[in-house]
Amino acid sequence: MWVRVLAARYGVVGGRVCDSGRDASVWWRDIFALRSVGWFQSHVSRSLGDGKNTLFWTDIWVGEVSLRDRFNRLYNLSMLKGESVYAMSNLGWGVDGEAWVWRRRLFAWEEEDVGELMHLLQSVMLQVHREDRWNWSLEPTNIYFVRSAYKFLNDQVSVNDAALIPSLWHKDVPLKVVLFAWCLFRDRLPTKDNLYRRNVLASDAQICAGGCRLPETTSHLFLLCNFFGLVWNHILRWLGVVAVLPNEAATHFYQFNFLGGTAKSRQSILQVIWFATVWEIWKERNNRIFNAKECFILQVVDKIKLVSYRWLRVKFSSLAFNYHGWWLNPFTIIGIG
């Protein structure tokens, strides 16, 4: 059903739904971009059945590359670029087969490529009672699950510090907050586990201030705590984004920046919101420990929104909230939603 919806919305070229460039939604552009992402392509393969849903030239179904890439000259000359394997087989891909329809008469060396292609196809046998399907190599069942993709990406090497430096020094964020984030990435904040390692706190004094009764580490406090970790869920809901974020601070920051796509204006706003979130989480944690005062989670979220608008006041001006007092999505306010 989704294929039909997307095809009606964006059109089809060469048997595949188009990306439509900047006119397409951010969601569809991100999905479409997976076609060229190495880690995804390396774990997807095509299992041939009756050949009706596999494109002869552009899908990888025989060998390790598509026939378009292996026989690029023949693909450019073919008059049947968008046909399926099933259709080409019915036309006949042997000698004098009707599948070979060219824009012009072939040269001698091009005839040799056709001979090589026909030899490659001799071993192909279509299974008329079985449909084509995609195989996902990260699952024993070869069926795609988000969990295996998430686990694979989460197991990759953490984001290099050098890649984060340009994003860290944000002109709209106070310097003290930038330095705080740098310490966060380096695990140099005075969290309770760090204080325990320095013999400042006793072993039984490491309980998180969020009330979850678990030891307070950097990742736990800012990302995993039953109280402070839920703050991110409210922030994502405010932004209108659905995502599963990593549990390591630097990678979390890096991925959060791209939740709105690759537009620099969106990334800039998301960076500010990320800084504001970790800053207010830290302030709430300290307020609970040193002043014995607690805020509800929605109060913390409202503080984050207010701080974000203050730091971005040049962009937002007086449009921080509407006449009902509800916080508006920041992308909508500056006209890039």
C-alpha atoms as a PDB file:
ATOM      1  CA  MET A   1       0.000   0.000   0.000  1.00  0.00           C
ATOM      2  CA  TRP A   2       2.769   2.460   0.922  1.00  0.00           C
ATOM      3  CA  VAL A   3       4.485   1.846  -2.405  1.00  0.00           C
ATOM      4  CA  ARG A   4       1.288   2.836  -4.231  1.00  0.00           C
ATOM      5  CA  VAL A   5       0.849   5.938  -2.048  1.00  0.00           C
ATOM      6  CA  LEU A   6       4.449   7.096  -2.605  1.00  0.00           C
ATOM      7  CA  ALA A   7       4.281   6.323  -6.320  1.00  0.00           C
ATOM      8  CA  ALA A   8       1.141   8.442  -6.642  1.00  0.00           C
ATOM      9  CA  ARG A   9       2.758  11.285  -4.686  1.00  0.00           C
ATOM     10  CA  TYR A  10       6.255  11.369  -6.177  1.00  0.00           C
ATOM     11  CA  GLY A  11       6.053   9.447  -9.451  1.00  0.00           C
ATOM     12  CA  VAL A  12       8.013   6.458 -10.744  1.00  0.00           C
ATOM     13  CA  VAL A  13      11.138   6.403 -12.926  1.00  0.00           C
ATOM     14  CA  GLY A  14      12.821   3.187 -13.999  1.00  0.00           C
ATOM     15  CA  GLY A  15      10.381   1.153 -11.956  1.00  0.00           C
ATOM     16  CA  ARG A  16      11.247   2.873  -8.665  1.00  0.00           C
ATOM     17  CA  VAL A  17       9.624   5.718  -6.723  1.00  0.00           C
ATOM     18  CA  CYS A  18      11.380   9.060  -7.249  1.00  0.00           C
ATOM     19  CA  ASP A  19      12.880  11.126  -4.440  1.00  0.00           C
ATOM     20  CA  SER A  20      11.469  14.402  -5.921  1.00  0.00           C
ATOM     21  CA  GLY A  21      14.360  16.400  -4.469  1.00  0.00           C
ATOM     22  CA  ARG A  22      13.529  19.264  -2.133  1.00  0.00           C
ATOM     23  CA  ASP A  23       9.802  18.934  -2.876  1.00  0.00           C
ATOM     24  CA  ALA A  24       9.632  15.612  -1.020  1.00  0.00           C
ATOM     25  CA  SER A  25       9.110  15.268   2.717  1.00  0.00           C
ATOM     26  CA  VAL A  26      12.185  14.969   4.953  1.00  0.00           C
ATOM     27  CA  TRP A  27      10.989  11.494   5.955  1.00  0.00           C
ATOM     28  CA  TRP A  28      10.894  10.229   2.369  1.00  0.00           C
ATOM     29  CA  ARG A  29      14.229  11.847   1.439  1.00  0.00           C
ATOM     30  CA  ASP A  30      15.894  10.127   4.401  1.00  0.00           C
ATOM     31  CA  ILE A  31      14.447   6.738   3.428  1.00  0.00           C
ATOM     32  CA  PHE A  32      15.342   7.239  -0.222  1.00  0.00           C
ATOM     33  CA  ALA A  33      18.922   8.092   0.766  1.00  0.00           C
ATOM     34  CA  LEU A  34      19.337   4.570   2.197  1.00  0.00           C
ATOM     35  CA  ARG A  35      19.789   3.330  -1.369  1.00  0.00           C
ATOM     36  CA  SER A  36      23.236   4.911  -1.416  1.00  0.00           C
ATOM     37  CA  VAL A  37      24.214   4.211   2.200  1.00  0.00           C
ATOM     38  CA  GLY A  38      26.927   1.561   2.319  1.00  0.00           C
ATOM     39  CA  TRP A  39      26.032  -0.146   5.598  1.00  0.00           C
ATOM     40  CA  PHE A  40      22.413  -0.637   4.518  1.00  0.00           C
ATOM     41  CA  GLN A  41      23.123  -1.814   0.971  1.00  0.00           C
ATOM     42  CA  SER A  42      25.723  -4.314   2.186  1.00  0.00           C
ATOM     43  CA  HIS A  43      23.096  -6.129   4.278  1.00  0.00           C
ATOM     44  CA  VAL A  44      20.291  -6.213   1.688  1.00  0.00           C
ATOM     45  CA  SER A  45      20.053  -8.662  -1.189  1.00  0.00           C
ATOM     46  CA  ARG A  46      17.391  -9.775  -3.665  1.00  0.00           C
ATOM     47  CA  SER A  47      16.086 -13.349  -3.700  1.00  0.00           C
ATOM     48  CA  LEU A  48      14.666 -14.144  -7.119  1.00  0.00           C
ATOM     49  CA  GLY A  49      11.338 -15.948  -7.424  1.00  0.00           C
ATOM     50  CA  ASP A  50       9.075 -15.375 -10.407  1.00  0.00           C
ATOM     51  CA  GLY A  51      10.973 -12.182 -11.319  1.00  0.00           C
ATOM     52  CA  LYS A  52       7.868 -10.003 -11.527  1.00  0.00           C
ATOM     53  CA  ASN A  53       8.992  -7.521  -8.856  1.00  0.00           C
ATOM     54  CA  THR A  54      12.689  -7.450  -9.718  1.00  0.00           C
ATOM     55  CA  LEU A  55      13.998  -4.972 -12.281  1.00  0.00           C
ATOM     56  CA  PHE A  56      16.200  -6.619 -14.888  1.00  0.00           C
ATOM     57  CA  TRP A  57      18.802  -3.865 -15.245  1.00  0.00           C
ATOM     58  CA  THR A  58      18.846  -1.925 -11.981  1.00  0.00           C
ATOM     59  CA  ASP A  59      18.276  -4.488  -9.176  1.00  0.00           C
ATOM     60  CA  ILE A  60      21.041  -6.741  -7.905  1.00  0.00           C
ATOM     61  CA  TRP A  61      19.682 -10.212  -8.592  1.00  0.00           C
ATOM     62  CA  VAL A  62      22.450 -12.064 -10.435  1.00  0.00           C
ATOM     63  CA  GLY A  63      26.022 -11.592  -9.259  1.00  0.00           C
ATOM     64  CA  GLU A  64      27.151  -8.920  -6.792  1.00  0.00           C
ATOM     65  CA  VAL A  65      26.348  -5.809  -8.863  1.00  0.00           C
ATOM     66  CA  SER A  66      23.425  -4.748 -11.026  1.00  0.00           C
ATOM     67  CA  LEU A  67      23.467  -5.514 -14.742  1.00  0.00           C
ATOM     68  CA  ARG A  68      23.302  -1.765 -15.355  1.00  0.00           C
ATOM     69  CA  ASP A  69      26.651  -1.314 -13.603  1.00  0.00           C
ATOM     70  CA  ARG A  70      28.248  -4.408 -15.094  1.00  0.00           C
ATOM     71  CA  PHE A  71      27.053  -3.745 -18.655  1.00  0.00           C
ATOM     72  CA  ASN A  72      26.582  -0.006 -18.569  1.00  0.00           C
ATOM     73  CA  ARG A  73      27.013   0.471 -22.307  1.00  0.00           C
ATOM     74  CA  LEU A  74      24.276  -2.051 -23.091  1.00  0.00           C
ATOM     75  CA  TYR A  75      21.979  -0.480 -20.515  1.00  0.00           C
ATOM     76  CA  ASN A  76      22.377   2.939 -22.146  1.00  0.00           C
ATOM     77  CA  LEU A  77      21.551   1.448 -25.541  1.00  0.00           C
ATOM     78  CA  SER A  78      18.603  -0.662 -24.390  1.00  0.00           C
ATOM     79  CA  MET A  79      15.061   0.398 -25.242  1.00  0.00           C
ATOM     80  CA  LEU A  80      13.681  -1.704 -22.349  1.00  0.00           C
ATOM     81  CA  LYS A  81      15.375  -0.162 -19.318  1.00  0.00           C
ATOM     82  CA  GLY A  82      12.436  -0.459 -16.913  1.00  0.00           C
ATOM     83  CA  GLU A  83      11.364  -4.060 -17.570  1.00  0.00           C
ATOM     84  CA  SER A  84      11.247  -6.762 -14.911  1.00  0.00           C
ATOM     85  CA  VAL A  85      13.193 -10.009 -15.003  1.00  0.00           C
ATOM     86  CA  TYR A  86       9.920 -11.807 -15.680  1.00  0.00           C
ATOM     87  CA  ALA A  87       9.096  -9.634 -18.683  1.00  0.00           C
ATOM     88  CA  MET A  88      12.585  -9.935 -20.173  1.00  0.00           C
ATOM     89  CA  SER A  89      12.511 -13.707 -19.715  1.00  0.00           C
ATOM     90  CA  ASN A  90       9.176 -13.933 -21.542  1.00  0.00           C
ATOM     91  CA  LEU A  91      10.543 -11.801 -24.376  1.00  0.00           C
ATOM     92  CA  GLY A  92      13.504 -14.134 -24.593  1.00  0.00           C
ATOM     93  CA  TRP A  93      17.099 -13.305 -23.615  1.00  0.00           C
ATOM     94  CA  GLY A  94      18.764 -15.929 -25.763  1.00  0.00           C
ATOM     95  CA  VAL A  95      20.203 -15.469 -29.245  1.00  0.00           C
ATOM     96  CA  ASP A  96      17.790 -13.431 -31.386  1.00  0.00           C
ATOM     97  CA  GLY A  97      15.600 -12.914 -28.295  1.00  0.00           C
ATOM     98  CA  GLU A  98      13.141 -10.017 -28.350  1.00  0.00           C
ATOM     99  CA  ALA A  99      14.543  -8.701 -25.053  1.00  0.00           C
ATOM    100  CA  TRP A 100      17.467  -7.216 -26.946  1.00  0.00           C
ATOM    101  CA  VAL A 101      16.025  -4.050 -28.468  1.00  0.00           C
ATOM    102  CA  TRP A 102      18.701  -1.415 -29.050  1.00  0.00           C
ATOM    103  CA  ARG A 103      18.626   2.243 -30.046  1.00  0.00           C
ATOM    104  CA  ARG A 104      21.062   1.532 -32.856  1.00  0.00           C
ATOM    105  CA  ARG A 105      23.031  -1.301 -34.403  1.00  0.00           C
ATOM    106  CA  LEU A 106      25.704  -2.616 -32.039  1.00  0.00           C
ATOM    107  CA  PHE A 107      29.435  -2.480 -32.686  1.00  0.00           C
ATOM    108  CA  ALA A 108      31.467  -5.678 -32.642  1.00  0.00           C
ATOM    109  CA  TRP A 109      32.762  -5.196 -29.075  1.00  0.00           C
ATOM    110  CA  GLU A 110      29.228  -4.424 -27.896  1.00  0.00           C
ATOM    111  CA  GLU A 111      28.058  -7.698 -29.471  1.00  0.00           C
ATOM    112  CA  GLU A 112      30.703  -9.424 -27.334  1.00  0.00           C
ATOM    113  CA  ASP A 113      29.161  -7.847 -24.204  1.00  0.00           C
ATOM    114  CA  VAL A 114      25.758  -9.184 -25.249  1.00  0.00           C
ATOM    115  CA  GLY A 115      27.256 -12.649 -25.608  1.00  0.00           C
ATOM    116  CA  GLU A 116      28.760 -12.421 -22.126  1.00  0.00           C
ATOM    117  CA  LEU A 117      25.405 -11.261 -20.728  1.00  0.00           C
ATOM    118  CA  MET A 118      23.505 -14.125 -22.376  1.00  0.00           C
ATOM    119  CA  HIS A 119      26.049 -16.606 -21.009  1.00  0.00           C
ATOM    120  CA  LEU A 120      25.493 -15.184 -17.511  1.00  0.00           C
ATOM    121  CA  LEU A 121      21.712 -15.609 -17.870  1.00  0.00           C
ATOM    122  CA  GLN A 122      21.865 -19.250 -18.977  1.00  0.00           C
ATOM    123  CA  SER A 123      21.947 -20.460 -15.370  1.00  0.00           C
ATOM    124  CA  VAL A 124      18.946 -18.347 -14.283  1.00  0.00           C
ATOM    125  CA  MET A 125      15.799 -20.329 -13.482  1.00  0.00           C
ATOM    126  CA  LEU A 126      12.639 -18.467 -12.464  1.00  0.00           C
ATOM    127  CA  GLN A 127      10.443 -20.007  -9.758  1.00  0.00           C
ATOM    128  CA  VAL A 128       6.964 -19.287 -11.026  1.00  0.00           C
ATOM    129  CA  HIS A 129       5.209 -20.240  -7.780  1.00  0.00           C
ATOM    130  CA  ARG A 130       7.292 -18.011  -5.507  1.00  0.00           C
ATOM    131  CA  GLU A 131       7.385 -14.222  -5.320  1.00  0.00           C
ATOM    132  CA  ASP A 132      10.607 -12.204  -5.254  1.00  0.00           C
ATOM    133  CA  ARG A 133      11.663 -11.016  -1.830  1.00  0.00           C
ATOM    134  CA  TRP A 134      14.280  -8.925  -0.056  1.00  0.00           C
ATOM    135  CA  ASN A 135      16.741 -10.590   2.313  1.00  0.00           C
ATOM    136  CA  TRP A 136      18.087  -8.831   5.432  1.00  0.00           C
ATOM    137  CA  SER A 137      21.376 -10.456   6.436  1.00  0.00           C
ATOM    138  CA  LEU A 138      21.369  -9.157  10.034  1.00  0.00           C
ATOM    139  CA  GLU A 139      18.439 -11.432  10.973  1.00  0.00           C
ATOM    140  CA  PRO A 140      18.510 -15.253  10.931  1.00  0.00           C
ATOM    141  CA  THR A 141      15.077 -15.198   9.277  1.00  0.00           C
ATOM    142  CA  ASN A 142      16.319 -12.735   6.594  1.00  0.00           C
ATOM    143  CA  ILE A 143      13.361 -10.493   7.492  1.00  0.00           C
ATOM    144  CA  TYR A 144      14.046  -6.831   8.294  1.00  0.00           C
ATOM    145  CA  PHE A 145      13.567  -5.714  11.896  1.00  0.00           C
ATOM    146  CA  VAL A 146      14.374  -2.291  13.306  1.00  0.00           C
ATOM    147  CA  ARG A 147      16.034  -3.929  16.332  1.00  0.00           C
ATOM    148  CA  SER A 148      18.806  -5.505  14.251  1.00  0.00           C
ATOM    149  CA  ALA A 149      19.491  -2.283  12.333  1.00  0.00           C
ATOM    150  CA  TYR A 150      19.551  -0.309  15.588  1.00  0.00           C
ATOM    151  CA  LYS A 151      21.865  -2.836  17.259  1.00  0.00           C
ATOM    152  CA  PHE A 152      24.215  -2.790  14.271  1.00  0.00           C
ATOM    153  CA  LEU A 153      24.453   1.005  14.259  1.00  0.00           C
ATOM    154  CA  ASN A 154      24.751   1.174  18.031  1.00  0.00           C
ATOM    155  CA  ASP A 155      27.677  -1.247  17.967  1.00  0.00           C
ATOM    156  CA  GLN A 156      29.626   0.905  15.550  1.00  0.00           C
ATOM    157  CA  VAL A 157      32.500   3.095  16.646  1.00  0.00           C
ATOM    158  CA  SER A 158      31.389   6.186  18.534  1.00  0.00           C
ATOM    159  CA  VAL A 159      31.437   9.538  16.778  1.00  0.00           C
ATOM    160  CA  ASN A 160      34.941  10.979  16.590  1.00  0.00           C
ATOM    161  CA  ASP A 161      35.502  14.040  18.743  1.00  0.00           C
ATOM    162  CA  ALA A 162      36.926  15.898  15.738  1.00  0.00           C
ATOM    163  CA  ALA A 163      33.573  15.642  13.961  1.00  0.00           C
ATOM    164  CA  LEU A 164      31.812  17.256  16.927  1.00  0.00           C
ATOM    165  CA  ILE A 165      34.059  20.294  17.392  1.00  0.00           C
ATOM    166  CA  PRO A 166      32.443  22.500  14.681  1.00  0.00           C
ATOM    167  CA  SER A 167      28.970  21.832  16.136  1.00  0.00           C
ATOM    168  CA  LEU A 168      30.010  22.334  19.760  1.00  0.00           C
ATOM    169  CA  TRP A 169      31.060  25.962  19.438  1.00  0.00           C
ATOM    170  CA  HIS A 170      27.615  27.362  18.693  1.00  0.00           C
ATOM    171  CA  LYS A 171      27.325  31.144  18.580  1.00  0.00           C
ATOM    172  CA  ASP A 172      23.830  31.143  20.122  1.00  0.00           C
ATOM    173  CA  VAL A 173      24.820  29.047  23.159  1.00  0.00           C
ATOM    174  CA  PRO A 174      26.554  30.588  26.209  1.00  0.00           C
ATOM    175  CA  LEU A 175      30.205  29.624  26.517  1.00  0.00           C
ATOM    176  CA  LYS A 176      29.728  28.071  29.964  1.00  0.00           C
ATOM    177  CA  VAL A 177      27.139  25.682  28.504  1.00  0.00           C
ATOM    178  CA  VAL A 178      29.453  24.733  25.635  1.00  0.00           C
ATOM    179  CA  LEU A 179      32.238  23.961  28.128  1.00  0.00           C
ATOM    180  CA  PHE A 180      29.744  21.984  30.201  1.00  0.00           C
ATOM    181  CA  ALA A 181      28.855  19.878  27.141  1.00  0.00           C
ATOM    182  CA  TRP A 182      32.541  19.302  26.406  1.00  0.00           C
ATOM    183  CA  CYS A 183      32.991  17.955  29.945  1.00  0.00           C
ATOM    184  CA  LEU A 184      29.887  15.821  29.440  1.00  0.00           C
ATOM    185  CA  PHE A 185      31.365  14.201  26.325  1.00  0.00           C
ATOM    186  CA  ARG A 186      34.616  13.561  28.211  1.00  0.00           C
ATOM    187  CA  ASP A 187      32.777  12.196  31.256  1.00  0.00           C
ATOM    188  CA  ARG A 188      34.424  14.860  33.418  1.00  0.00           C
ATOM    189  CA  LEU A 189      31.316  16.165  35.181  1.00  0.00           C
ATOM    190  CA  PRO A 190      31.062  15.714  38.973  1.00  0.00           C
ATOM    191  CA  THR A 191      28.429  12.992  38.703  1.00  0.00           C
ATOM    192  CA  LYS A 192      28.134  10.698  41.705  1.00  0.00           C
ATOM    193  CA  ASP A 193      30.015   7.816  40.122  1.00  0.00           C
ATOM    194  CA  ASN A 194      32.920  10.144  39.290  1.00  0.00           C
ATOM    195  CA  LEU A 195      32.895  11.555  42.837  1.00  0.00           C
ATOM    196  CA  TYR A 196      32.943   8.020  44.209  1.00  0.00           C
ATOM    197  CA  ARG A 197      35.988   7.144  42.092  1.00  0.00           C
ATOM    198  CA  ARG A 198      37.722  10.199  43.558  1.00  0.00           C
ATOM    199  CA  ASN A 199      36.821   9.087  47.092  1.00  0.00           C
ATOM    200  CA  VAL A 200      34.542  12.082  47.615  1.00  0.00           C
ATOM    201  CA  LEU A 201      31.375  10.025  48.124  1.00  0.00           C
ATOM    202  CA  ALA A 202      30.760   6.691  49.786  1.00  0.00           C
ATOM    203  CA  SER A 203      29.661   3.733  47.671  1.00  0.00           C
ATOM    204  CA  ASP A 204      26.101   3.909  49.061  1.00  0.00           C
ATOM    205  CA  ALA A 205      25.760   7.590  48.062  1.00  0.00           C
ATOM    206  CA  GLN A 206      25.708   7.066  44.296  1.00  0.00           C
ATOM    207  CA  ILE A 207      21.918   6.871  43.912  1.00  0.00           C
ATOM    208  CA  CYS A 208      20.520   8.999  41.095  1.00  0.00           C
ATOM    209  CA  ALA A 209      18.623  12.148  42.060  1.00  0.00           C
ATOM    210  CA  GLY A 210      15.836  11.210  39.656  1.00  0.00           C
ATOM    211  CA  GLY A 211      14.303   8.799  42.131  1.00  0.00           C
ATOM    212  CA  CYS A 212      14.987   5.662  40.099  1.00  0.00           C
ATOM    213  CA  ARG A 213      17.280   4.231  42.818  1.00  0.00           C
ATOM    214  CA  LEU A 214      20.005   3.356  40.305  1.00  0.00           C
ATOM    215  CA  PRO A 215      23.653   4.554  40.339  1.00  0.00           C
ATOM    216  CA  GLU A 216      24.171   7.976  38.789  1.00  0.00           C
ATOM    217  CA  THR A 217      26.495   7.835  35.793  1.00  0.00           C
ATOM    218  CA  THR A 218      26.743  10.339  32.963  1.00  0.00           C
ATOM    219  CA  SER A 219      24.801   8.199  30.492  1.00  0.00           C
ATOM    220  CA  HIS A 220      22.208   7.230  33.090  1.00  0.00           C
ATOM    221  CA  LEU A 221      21.581  10.749  34.352  1.00  0.00           C
ATOM    222  CA  PHE A 222      21.219  12.479  31.006  1.00  0.00           C
ATOM    223  CA  LEU A 223      19.791   9.723  28.813  1.00  0.00           C
ATOM    224  CA  LEU A 224      18.494   6.658  30.653  1.00  0.00           C
ATOM    225  CA  CYS A 225      16.990   7.766  33.977  1.00  0.00           C
ATOM    226  CA  ASN A 226      13.273   7.079  34.466  1.00  0.00           C
ATOM    227  CA  PHE A 227      12.769  10.787  35.182  1.00  0.00           C
ATOM    228  CA  PHE A 228      15.475  12.717  33.319  1.00  0.00           C
ATOM    229  CA  GLY A 229      15.509  10.311  30.376  1.00  0.00           C
ATOM    230  CA  LEU A 230      11.782  10.901  29.808  1.00  0.00           C
ATOM    231  CA  VAL A 231      12.529  14.577  29.214  1.00  0.00           C
ATOM    232  CA  TRP A 232      13.833  13.627  25.760  1.00  0.00           C
ATOM    233  CA  ASN A 233      10.527  11.951  24.894  1.00  0.00           C
ATOM    234  CA  HIS A 234       8.684  15.218  25.579  1.00  0.00           C
ATOM    235  CA  ILE A 235      11.230  17.196  23.562  1.00  0.00           C
ATOM    236  CA  LEU A 236      10.854  14.840  20.588  1.00  0.00           C
ATOM    237  CA  ARG A 237       7.069  15.112  20.823  1.00  0.00           C
ATOM    238  CA  TRP A 238       7.349  18.904  20.877  1.00  0.00           C
ATOM    239  CA  LEU A 239       9.507  18.793  17.738  1.00  0.00           C
ATOM    240  CA  GLY A 240       7.130  16.370  16.022  1.00  0.00           C
ATOM    241  CA  VAL A 241       9.873  13.757  15.611  1.00  0.00           C
ATOM    242  CA  VAL A 242       9.846  10.012  16.280  1.00  0.00           C
ATOM    243  CA  ALA A 243      13.294   8.519  16.937  1.00  0.00           C
ATOM    244  CA  VAL A 244      15.277   6.018  18.978  1.00  0.00           C
ATOM    245  CA  LEU A 245      18.366   7.816  20.266  1.00  0.00           C
ATOM    246  CA  PRO A 246      21.711   6.296  21.357  1.00  0.00           C
ATOM    247  CA  ASN A 247      22.711   5.970  24.998  1.00  0.00           C
ATOM    248  CA  GLU A 248      26.143   7.577  24.624  1.00  0.00           C
ATOM    249  CA  ALA A 249      26.359  11.372  24.942  1.00  0.00           C
ATOM    250  CA  ALA A 250      28.516  12.309  21.934  1.00  0.00           C
ATOM    251  CA  THR A 251      26.659   9.979  19.566  1.00  0.00           C
ATOM    252  CA  HIS A 252      23.343  11.179  21.016  1.00  0.00           C
ATOM    253  CA  PHE A 253      24.284  14.792  20.241  1.00  0.00           C
ATOM    254  CA  TYR A 254      25.425  13.918  16.722  1.00  0.00           C
ATOM    255  CA  GLN A 255      22.256  11.976  15.861  1.00  0.00           C
ATOM    256  CA  PHE A 256      19.948  14.544  17.473  1.00  0.00           C
ATOM    257  CA  ASN A 257      21.372  17.195  15.115  1.00  0.00           C
ATOM    258  CA  PHE A 258      20.054  15.316  12.076  1.00  0.00           C
ATOM    259  CA  LEU A 259      16.532  14.595  13.334  1.00  0.00           C
ATOM    260  CA  GLY A 260      15.239  17.434  11.172  1.00  0.00           C
ATOM    261  CA  GLY A 261      17.181  16.431   8.067  1.00  0.00           C
ATOM    262  CA  THR A 262      20.318  17.931   6.605  1.00  0.00           C
ATOM    263  CA  ALA A 263      19.208  21.590   6.396  1.00  0.00           C
ATOM    264  CA  LYS A 264      21.715  23.810   8.272  1.00  0.00           C
ATOM    265  CA  SER A 265      18.945  25.976   9.731  1.00  0.00           C
ATOM    266  CA  ARG A 266      17.239  22.956  11.303  1.00  0.00           C
ATOM    267  CA  GLN A 267      20.497  21.523  12.594  1.00  0.00           C
ATOM    268  CA  SER A 268      21.347  24.840  14.245  1.00  0.00           C
ATOM    269  CA  ILE A 269      18.024  24.893  16.106  1.00  0.00           C
ATOM    270  CA  LEU A 270      18.331  21.259  17.177  1.00  0.00           C
ATOM    271  CA  GLN A 271      21.845  21.850  18.500  1.00  0.00           C
ATOM    272  CA  VAL A 272      20.594  24.701  20.671  1.00  0.00           C
ATOM    273  CA  ILE A 273      17.704  22.580  21.974  1.00  0.00           C
ATOM    274  CA  TRP A 274      20.105  19.748  22.808  1.00  0.00           C
ATOM    275  CA  PHE A 275      22.370  22.104  24.769  1.00  0.00           C
ATOM    276  CA  ALA A 276      19.356  23.551  26.589  1.00  0.00           C
ATOM    277  CA  THR A 277      18.072  20.083  27.488  1.00  0.00           C
ATOM    278  CA  VAL A 278      21.266  18.740  29.048  1.00  0.00           C
ATOM    279  CA  TRP A 279      21.837  22.080  30.816  1.00  0.00           C
ATOM    280  CA  GLU A 280      18.386  22.091  32.413  1.00  0.00           C
ATOM    281  CA  ILE A 281      18.681  18.423  33.365  1.00  0.00           C
ATOM    282  CA  TRP A 282      21.924  19.219  35.179  1.00  0.00           C
ATOM    283  CA  LYS A 283      20.385  22.225  36.914  1.00  0.00           C
ATOM    284  CA  GLU A 284      17.370  20.193  38.041  1.00  0.00           C
ATOM    285  CA  ARG A 285      19.659  17.458  39.336  1.00  0.00           C
ATOM    286  CA  ASN A 286      21.683  19.984  41.369  1.00  0.00           C
ATOM    287  CA  ASN A 287      18.532  21.667  42.651  1.00  0.00           C
ATOM    288  CA  ARG A 288      17.279  18.341  43.994  1.00  0.00           C
ATOM    289  CA  ILE A 289      20.582  17.510  45.674  1.00  0.00           C
ATOM    290  CA  PHE A 290      21.595  20.871  47.138  1.00  0.00           C
ATOM    291  CA  ASN A 291      18.259  22.675  47.640  1.00  0.00           C
ATOM    292  CA  ALA A 292      15.912  19.717  48.181  1.00  0.00           C
ATOM    293  CA  LYS A 293      13.523  21.180  45.595  1.00  0.00           C
ATOM    294  CA  GLU A 294      11.915  19.219  42.781  1.00  0.00           C
ATOM    295  CA  CYS A 295      10.131  20.168  39.582  1.00  0.00           C
ATOM    296  CA  PHE A 296       7.651  18.011  37.701  1.00  0.00           C
ATOM    297  CA  ILE A 297       8.858  16.693  34.379  1.00  0.00           C
ATOM    298  CA  LEU A 298       6.631  19.066  32.388  1.00  0.00           C
ATOM    299  CA  GLN A 299       8.059  21.998  34.337  1.00  0.00           C
ATOM    300  CA  VAL A 300      11.562  20.925  33.338  1.00  0.00           C
ATOM    301  CA  VAL A 301      10.443  20.634  29.716  1.00  0.00           C
ATOM    302  CA  ASP A 302       8.940  24.142  29.823  1.00  0.00           C
ATOM    303  CA  LYS A 303      12.223  25.488  31.185  1.00  0.00           C
ATOM    304  CA  ILE A 304      14.062  23.871  28.289  1.00  0.00           C
ATOM    305  CA  LYS A 305      11.709  25.482  25.786  1.00  0.00           C
ATOM    306  CA  LEU A 306      12.087  28.877  27.421  1.00  0.00           C
ATOM    307  CA  VAL A 307      15.884  28.667  27.477  1.00  0.00           C
ATOM    308  CA  SER A 308      15.926  27.537  23.838  1.00  0.00           C
ATOM    309  CA  TYR A 309      13.806  30.522  22.794  1.00  0.00           C
ATOM    310  CA  ARG A 310      15.991  32.910  24.777  1.00  0.00           C
ATOM    311  CA  TRP A 311      19.153  31.652  23.149  1.00  0.00           C
ATOM    312  CA  LEU A 312      17.489  31.867  19.747  1.00  0.00           C
ATOM    313  CA  ARG A 313      15.676  35.134  20.427  1.00  0.00           C
ATOM    314  CA  VAL A 314      16.992  36.744  17.220  1.00  0.00           C
ATOM    315  CA  LYS A 315      15.247  34.063  15.165  1.00  0.00           C
ATOM    316  CA  PHE A 316      12.129  33.728  17.296  1.00  0.00           C
ATOM    317  CA  SER A 317      11.632  37.358  18.354  1.00  0.00           C
ATOM    318  CA  SER A 318       8.324  37.605  20.256  1.00  0.00           C
ATOM    319  CA  LEU A 319       6.830  34.458  18.734  1.00  0.00           C
ATOM    320  CA  ALA A 320       7.924  32.117  21.529  1.00  0.00           C
ATOM    321  CA  PHE A 321       4.347  31.134  22.368  1.00  0.00           C
ATOM    322  CA  ASN A 322       0.902  31.768  20.998  1.00  0.00           C
ATOM    323  CA  TYR A 323      -2.007  33.494  22.699  1.00  0.00           C
ATOM    324  CA  HIS A 324      -3.047  30.302  24.518  1.00  0.00           C
ATOM    325  CA  GLY A 325       0.398  30.014  26.090  1.00  0.00           C
ATOM    326  CA  TRP A 326       1.130  26.727  24.305  1.00  0.00           C
ATOM    327  CA  TRP A 327       4.723  26.309  23.129  1.00  0.00           C
ATOM    328  CA  LEU A 328       5.005  26.285  19.358  1.00  0.00           C
ATOM    329  CA  ASN A 329       7.262  23.999  17.367  1.00  0.00           C
ATOM    330  CA  PRO A 330      10.433  26.065  16.685  1.00  0.00           C
ATOM    331  CA  PHE A 331      10.566  24.966  13.038  1.00  0.00           C
ATOM    332  CA  THR A 332       7.086  26.388  12.492  1.00  0.00           C
ATOM    333  CA  ILE A 333       7.956  29.687  14.151  1.00  0.00           C
ATOM    334  CA  ILE A 334      10.799  30.583  11.801  1.00  0.00           C
ATOM    335  CA  GLY A 335       9.022  29.255   8.746  1.00  0.00           C
ATOM    336  CA  ILE A 336      10.998  26.119   7.917  1.00  0.00           C
ATOM    337  CA  GLY A 337       8.534  23.514   9.234  1.00  0.00           C
END
